[in-house]
Amino acid sequence: MKTGMKLASVATAAVAAFAFAAPAHAQATRTWVSGVGDDVNPCSRTAPCKTFAGAISKTAAGGEINCLDPGGYGTLTITKSITVDCTGTMGSTLNSGGINGFVINDSLSATPGQSEVRLRGLSINGAGTTPGLNGIRFISGKSLVVEDVFIQNQKGGFGISIAPSANSATVAVINSSVVTSGPSGGTGGGMEVKPTGSGTARVSLDNVRFANNAGSSLRVDTTATTGAAGVTVSVVRSEFSSSGQGIALVSTAAAVPQAVVMVVDSTIFNNTNFGIIANIGNSRVRVATTAITGNGTGVNPLAGAFINNLGGNILDGNTTNGAFN
């Protein structure tokens, strides 16, 4: 009897040890970071990690990283579907040193072009002796949502760079700001949408503020893609101000890909060079109920490009107003 009891106890202990050890390798659907955390922790609420990079390896695909308290949580490369949400506190990323803040790139994963990423409640700052490159850089994935995010000092490139290389990407930026970005030469700026390879992009901006950027607040460029769908951008209730250009389109003379932008209920003002500029016949901007004022030139459609007035616009008070076509 004693021998049987002893064997049963050993078996019970072994099962208990296995049950305790197994979760150490599991990924959680929700993980946590804290300014006083440690990346050796399991990233639970009671034992949080220190950085986003430490937490993502312990977060299951489709899961979520949350912030327990205000802190600087480092840069992050994202290769799978995930949400990073610091709503209710302040989650900061400092990406000085000529690097990107957040990179979305699932190109080497088992299912490239399928990641769905959401970034909420974040501050991304490129300030430093060597400034940040891009606050957010999208290379490969299915979709990206940026909500309640403040991006600044990305003086090596753009606040947001959307450059899908092989698929159609859907991007939404909501209730966010991009300021003081772009190098002094004006080659960068607030946001660039420039697919490469066969990549295309559909972008929506809702209540987004672009201000004090060295180059273009919004630059749409289809010169590096062969994707027939090109780039389409919808802009609602947004501001493009105090930059080199408000909105700039760069395309080619070919029938495809097209660069198409729709602007509604927005303001484009105090930009040094142009409020809206489109460089060639395959670029089209449609504008409605938008104020374009205080710019060097208000609207400037070049070489057969189209900047169309859909009604309710104010085009006045620019050094040269230009004209819709």
Protein backbone atom coordinates (compact mmCIF):
# COMPACT_ATOMS: atom_id res chain seq x y z
CA MET A 1 0.00 0.00 0.00
CA LYS A 2 2.79 2.41 0.89
CA THR A 3 4.60 1.61 -2.35
CA GLY A 4 1.43 2.31 -4.36
CA MET A 5 0.90 5.57 -2.54
CA LYS A 6 4.51 6.57 -3.21
CA LEU A 7 4.20 5.86 -6.96
CA ALA A 8 0.96 7.83 -7.12
CA SER A 9 2.62 10.78 -5.39
CA VAL A 10 5.54 10.73 -7.83
CA ALA A 11 3.16 10.62 -10.80
CA THR A 12 1.10 13.49 -9.39
CA ALA A 13 4.22 15.56 -8.82
CA ALA A 14 5.41 14.92 -12.38
CA VAL A 15 2.07 16.00 -13.85
CA ALA A 16 2.07 19.11 -11.68
CA ALA A 17 5.62 19.99 -12.74
CA PHE A 18 4.70 19.60 -16.40
CA ALA A 19 1.58 21.71 -15.98
CA PHE A 20 3.65 24.41 -14.30
CA ALA A 21 6.45 24.40 -16.89
CA ALA A 22 4.36 24.31 -20.07
CA PRO A 23 2.95 27.87 -19.92
CA ALA A 24 6.49 29.29 -19.80
CA HIS A 25 6.67 28.69 -23.56
CA ALA A 26 3.12 29.80 -24.38
CA GLN A 27 2.27 33.19 -25.84
CA ALA A 28 -0.42 35.29 -24.20
CA THR A 29 -3.20 37.06 -26.04
CA ARG A 30 -2.62 40.16 -23.90
CA THR A 31 0.72 41.28 -22.49
CA TRP A 32 1.79 44.31 -20.46
CA VAL A 33 4.74 46.70 -20.30
CA SER A 34 5.72 49.00 -17.44
CA GLY A 35 8.44 51.55 -16.79
CA VAL A 36 9.55 49.39 -13.86
CA GLY A 37 9.12 46.07 -15.68
CA ASP A 38 11.74 43.57 -16.85
CA ASP A 39 11.93 41.76 -20.18
CA VAL A 40 12.75 38.47 -18.42
CA ASN A 41 9.22 38.57 -16.98
CA PRO A 42 6.28 36.77 -18.64
CA CYS A 43 4.75 40.20 -19.46
CA SER A 44 1.66 39.53 -17.36
CA ARG A 45 -0.11 42.33 -15.55
CA THR A 46 1.60 41.46 -12.28
CA ALA A 47 4.98 40.77 -13.91
CA PRO A 48 5.19 43.17 -16.88
CA CYS A 49 7.97 43.55 -19.40
CA LYS A 50 10.12 46.64 -19.86
CA THR A 51 9.92 47.19 -23.63
CA PHE A 52 7.65 46.58 -26.61
CA ALA A 53 10.38 44.43 -28.15
CA GLY A 54 10.47 42.27 -25.03
CA ALA A 55 6.71 41.88 -25.00
CA ILE A 56 6.05 41.07 -28.65
CA SER A 57 7.82 37.71 -28.54
CA LYS A 58 5.51 36.71 -25.69
CA THR A 59 2.35 37.96 -27.40
CA ALA A 60 0.33 35.68 -29.66
CA ALA A 61 -0.46 36.72 -33.22
CA GLY A 62 -3.59 38.87 -33.17
CA GLY A 63 -2.93 39.74 -29.53
CA GLU A 64 -2.37 43.04 -27.76
CA ILE A 65 0.40 44.82 -25.86
CA ASN A 66 -0.86 47.33 -23.26
CA CYS A 67 0.92 49.91 -21.13
CA LEU A 68 0.47 49.86 -17.36
CA ASP A 69 1.99 53.27 -16.73
CA PRO A 70 3.81 56.13 -18.51
CA GLY A 71 7.18 55.09 -19.86
CA GLY A 72 9.61 54.91 -22.76
CA TYR A 73 9.19 51.46 -24.27
CA GLY A 74 11.61 51.50 -27.17
CA THR A 75 11.35 50.88 -30.90
CA LEU A 76 9.60 47.87 -32.38
CA THR A 77 9.68 45.75 -35.52
CA ILE A 78 6.32 44.03 -36.10
CA THR A 79 6.15 40.83 -38.17
CA LYS A 80 2.66 39.59 -37.26
CA SER A 81 -0.85 40.85 -36.51
CA ILE A 82 -0.81 42.77 -33.24
CA THR A 83 -2.20 45.78 -31.38
CA VAL A 84 0.00 48.13 -29.36
CA ASP A 85 -2.33 50.25 -27.22
CA CYS A 86 -1.28 52.73 -24.53
CA THR A 87 -4.64 54.53 -24.34
CA GLY A 88 -5.21 55.96 -20.86
CA THR A 89 -1.53 56.47 -20.13
CA MET A 90 1.54 57.61 -22.12
CA GLY A 91 3.55 55.08 -24.07
CA SER A 92 6.58 56.68 -25.70
CA THR A 93 9.11 55.57 -28.28
CA LEU A 94 12.35 57.52 -28.74
CA ASN A 95 13.95 56.64 -32.07
CA SER A 96 16.87 59.03 -32.33
CA GLY A 97 20.05 57.73 -33.94
CA GLY A 98 18.81 57.53 -37.53
CA ILE A 99 16.48 54.56 -36.96
CA ASN A 100 12.77 53.91 -37.41
CA GLY A 101 10.33 53.98 -34.53
CA PHE A 102 7.89 51.26 -35.60
CA VAL A 103 8.50 49.00 -38.62
CA ILE A 104 5.70 46.82 -40.01
CA ASN A 105 7.26 44.10 -42.15
CA ASP A 106 5.90 40.56 -42.35
CA SER A 107 7.64 39.80 -45.66
CA LEU A 108 9.67 36.94 -44.15
CA SER A 109 6.78 35.39 -42.26
CA ALA A 110 4.89 32.27 -43.32
CA THR A 111 2.01 34.46 -44.58
CA PRO A 112 3.48 37.71 -45.95
CA GLY A 113 1.16 40.60 -46.62
CA GLN A 114 -1.47 39.39 -44.12
CA SER A 115 -0.57 41.14 -40.86
CA GLU A 116 -3.14 43.52 -39.37
CA VAL A 117 -1.50 46.07 -37.08
CA ARG A 118 -3.01 48.73 -34.80
CA LEU A 119 -1.04 51.45 -32.99
CA ARG A 120 -2.97 53.54 -30.44
CA GLY A 121 -2.19 56.11 -27.78
CA LEU A 122 1.52 56.52 -28.53
CA SER A 123 4.15 59.25 -28.73
CA ILE A 124 6.99 58.71 -31.23
CA ASN A 125 9.88 61.17 -30.95
CA GLY A 126 12.95 61.21 -33.16
CA ALA A 127 14.74 63.95 -31.20
CA GLY A 128 18.47 63.56 -30.65
CA THR A 129 21.90 64.51 -31.95
CA THR A 130 21.18 62.19 -34.89
CA PRO A 131 17.42 62.49 -35.45
CA GLY A 132 14.99 59.68 -36.16
CA LEU A 133 14.53 58.28 -39.66
CA ASN A 134 10.79 57.51 -39.87
CA GLY A 135 8.34 57.42 -37.00
CA ILE A 136 6.34 54.60 -38.60
CA ARG A 137 7.58 52.61 -41.58
CA PHE A 138 5.17 50.20 -43.34
CA ILE A 139 6.86 47.75 -45.72
CA SER A 140 4.73 44.60 -45.79
CA GLY A 141 1.38 43.75 -44.25
CA LYS A 142 -2.34 43.77 -44.93
CA SER A 143 -3.42 46.79 -42.91
CA LEU A 144 -2.32 49.44 -40.45
CA VAL A 145 -4.44 51.63 -38.16
CA VAL A 146 -2.75 54.59 -36.44
CA GLU A 147 -5.02 56.25 -33.87
CA ASP A 148 -4.32 58.95 -31.27
CA VAL A 149 -0.61 58.95 -32.07
CA PHE A 150 1.71 61.99 -31.85
CA ILE A 151 4.80 61.87 -34.09
CA GLN A 152 7.56 64.49 -34.05
CA ASN A 153 11.18 65.21 -34.97
CA GLN A 154 11.55 62.54 -37.66
CA LYS A 155 14.11 64.68 -39.43
CA GLY A 156 15.80 61.87 -41.31
CA GLY A 157 12.72 61.01 -43.38
CA PHE A 158 8.97 61.09 -42.74
CA GLY A 159 6.72 60.92 -39.75
CA ILE A 160 4.86 58.09 -41.50
CA SER A 161 6.27 56.19 -44.49
CA ILE A 162 3.93 53.82 -46.33
CA ALA A 163 5.91 51.70 -48.79
CA PRO A 164 4.29 48.30 -49.43
CA SER A 165 6.49 46.29 -51.75
CA ALA A 166 4.34 43.44 -53.06
CA ASN A 167 0.70 43.70 -52.01
CA SER A 168 -2.23 46.06 -51.57
CA ALA A 169 -2.06 47.74 -48.17
CA THR A 170 -4.90 49.52 -46.37
CA VAL A 171 -3.87 52.30 -43.98
CA ALA A 172 -5.99 54.51 -41.73
CA VAL A 173 -4.64 57.42 -39.66
CA ILE A 174 -7.16 58.86 -37.19
CA ASN A 175 -6.98 61.68 -34.62
CA SER A 176 -3.21 61.97 -34.92
CA SER A 177 -0.48 64.59 -35.47
CA VAL A 178 2.78 64.63 -37.41
CA VAL A 179 4.96 67.69 -36.77
CA THR A 180 8.53 69.00 -37.24
CA SER A 181 9.60 66.14 -39.49
CA GLY A 182 11.67 65.94 -42.65
CA PRO A 183 15.32 66.98 -43.22
CA SER A 184 16.16 70.62 -43.81
CA GLY A 185 16.58 70.02 -47.54
CA GLY A 186 12.86 69.33 -47.82
CA THR A 187 13.12 65.75 -49.15
CA GLY A 188 11.13 64.23 -46.30
CA GLY A 189 8.22 65.57 -44.33
CA GLY A 190 4.98 64.53 -42.68
CA MET A 191 3.77 61.44 -44.54
CA GLU A 192 4.80 59.69 -47.72
CA VAL A 193 2.81 57.04 -49.58
CA LYS A 194 5.23 55.42 -52.05
CA PRO A 195 4.64 51.76 -52.92
CA THR A 196 7.44 49.84 -54.58
CA GLY A 197 7.51 46.74 -56.79
CA SER A 198 3.92 45.63 -57.36
CA GLY A 199 2.69 47.23 -54.15
CA THR A 200 -0.36 49.51 -53.98
CA ALA A 201 -1.99 51.46 -51.15
CA ARG A 202 -5.39 52.71 -50.02
CA VAL A 203 -5.05 55.37 -47.34
CA SER A 204 -7.59 57.31 -45.28
CA LEU A 205 -6.80 60.32 -43.08
CA ASP A 206 -9.42 61.53 -40.62
CA ASN A 207 -8.71 64.46 -38.31
CA VAL A 208 -4.95 64.38 -38.86
CA ARG A 209 -2.76 67.43 -38.27
CA PHE A 210 0.42 67.93 -40.30
CA ALA A 211 2.36 71.03 -39.24
CA ASN A 212 5.86 72.52 -39.47
CA ASN A 213 7.28 69.77 -41.64
CA ALA A 214 10.34 70.58 -43.75
CA GLY A 215 9.13 69.04 -47.02
CA SER A 216 5.61 67.97 -47.96
CA SER A 217 3.01 67.38 -45.29
CA LEU A 218 1.56 64.65 -47.54
CA ARG A 219 3.48 63.23 -50.49
CA VAL A 220 1.91 60.64 -52.79
CA ASP A 221 4.38 59.02 -55.19
CA THR A 222 3.59 56.26 -57.70
CA THR A 223 6.84 56.37 -59.66
CA ALA A 224 8.30 53.21 -58.04
CA THR A 225 5.32 50.83 -58.39
CA THR A 226 3.94 48.73 -61.21
CA GLY A 227 0.76 47.96 -59.29
CA ALA A 228 -2.23 48.85 -61.47
CA ALA A 229 -4.27 50.15 -58.53
CA GLY A 230 -1.66 52.79 -57.70
CA VAL A 231 -2.47 54.92 -54.66
CA THR A 232 -5.79 56.33 -53.49
CA VAL A 233 -6.00 58.66 -50.49
CA SER A 234 -9.07 60.13 -48.80
CA VAL A 235 -8.62 63.12 -46.49
CA VAL A 236 -11.34 64.40 -44.16
CA ARG A 237 -11.22 67.13 -41.48
CA SER A 238 -7.44 67.46 -41.62
CA GLU A 239 -4.81 70.22 -41.54
CA PHE A 240 -1.74 70.73 -43.72
CA SER A 241 0.11 73.81 -42.53
CA SER A 242 3.42 75.66 -42.22
CA SER A 243 5.41 73.19 -44.32
CA GLY A 244 7.16 73.25 -47.70
CA GLN A 245 4.12 71.85 -49.54
CA GLY A 246 0.73 70.93 -48.18
CA ILE A 247 -0.12 68.06 -50.53
CA ALA A 248 2.17 66.93 -53.36
CA LEU A 249 1.49 64.25 -55.99
CA VAL A 250 4.27 62.70 -58.04
CA SER A 251 3.27 60.25 -60.78
CA THR A 252 4.16 59.18 -64.32
CA ALA A 253 2.65 59.76 -67.73
CA ALA A 254 1.61 56.10 -68.10
CA ALA A 255 -2.07 55.15 -67.86
CA VAL A 256 -1.37 53.21 -64.67
CA PRO A 257 -0.62 53.42 -61.83
CA GLN A 258 -2.62 56.46 -60.81
CA ALA A 259 -2.21 58.81 -57.86
CA VAL A 260 -5.66 59.95 -56.69
CA VAL A 261 -6.43 62.09 -53.63
CA MET A 262 -9.79 63.31 -52.33
CA VAL A 263 -9.77 66.22 -49.83
CA VAL A 264 -12.92 67.26 -47.94
CA ASP A 265 -13.57 69.67 -45.03
CA SER A 266 -9.89 70.45 -44.51
CA THR A 267 -7.46 73.40 -44.29
CA ILE A 268 -4.29 73.90 -46.30
CA PHE A 269 -2.50 77.07 -45.23
CA ASN A 270 0.80 78.88 -44.66
CA ASN A 271 2.87 76.45 -46.73
CA THR A 272 5.98 78.07 -48.17
CA ASN A 273 5.76 76.75 -51.72
CA PHE A 274 2.45 75.12 -52.65
CA GLY A 275 -0.85 74.31 -51.05
CA ILE A 276 -1.52 71.50 -53.54
CA ILE A 277 0.78 70.52 -56.40
CA ALA A 278 0.33 67.66 -58.89
CA ASN A 279 3.12 67.06 -61.34
CA ILE A 280 1.80 65.14 -64.32
CA GLY A 281 -1.31 63.90 -66.19
CA ASN A 282 -1.82 60.71 -64.18
CA SER A 283 -2.27 62.63 -60.92
CA ARG A 284 -5.69 63.79 -59.77
CA VAL A 285 -6.80 65.71 -56.67
CA ARG A 286 -10.48 66.33 -55.98
CA VAL A 287 -11.19 69.07 -53.42
CA ALA A 288 -14.43 70.04 -51.65
CA THR A 289 -15.29 72.46 -48.80
CA THR A 290 -11.61 73.12 -48.09
CA ALA A 291 -9.78 76.38 -47.34
CA ILE A 292 -6.54 76.95 -49.26
CA THR A 293 -4.96 80.19 -48.10
CA GLY A 294 -1.67 81.80 -47.09
CA ASN A 295 0.44 79.54 -49.30
CA GLY A 296 3.09 80.53 -51.84
CA THR A 297 0.89 79.12 -54.61
CA GLY A 298 -2.56 77.79 -53.73
CA VAL A 299 -3.06 75.09 -56.38
CA ASN A 300 -0.66 74.13 -59.14
CA PRO A 301 -1.65 71.39 -61.62
CA LEU A 302 1.31 70.73 -63.93
CA ALA A 303 1.66 68.96 -67.27
CA GLY A 304 -1.95 67.89 -67.57
CA ALA A 305 -2.48 66.86 -63.96
CA PHE A 306 -5.90 67.56 -62.45
CA ILE A 307 -6.83 69.49 -59.33
CA ASN A 308 -10.62 69.61 -59.46
CA ASN A 309 -12.98 71.90 -57.56
CA LEU A 310 -15.99 69.93 -56.34
CA GLY A 311 -17.52 72.97 -54.66
CA GLY A 312 -17.48 74.93 -51.44
CA ASN A 313 -13.75 75.67 -51.50
CA ILE A 314 -11.98 78.87 -50.47
CA LEU A 315 -8.99 79.62 -52.70
CA ASP A 316 -7.84 83.04 -51.60
CA GLY A 317 -5.07 84.93 -49.84
CA ASN A 318 -2.18 82.99 -51.38
CA THR A 319 0.76 84.82 -52.95
CA THR A 320 -0.45 83.24 -56.19
CA ASN A 321 -3.83 81.55 -55.96
CA GLY A 322 -3.49 79.41 -59.07
CA ALA A 323 -6.61 77.82 -60.50
CA PHE A 324 -8.51 74.55 -60.39
CA ASN A 325 -8.99 72.67 -63.64
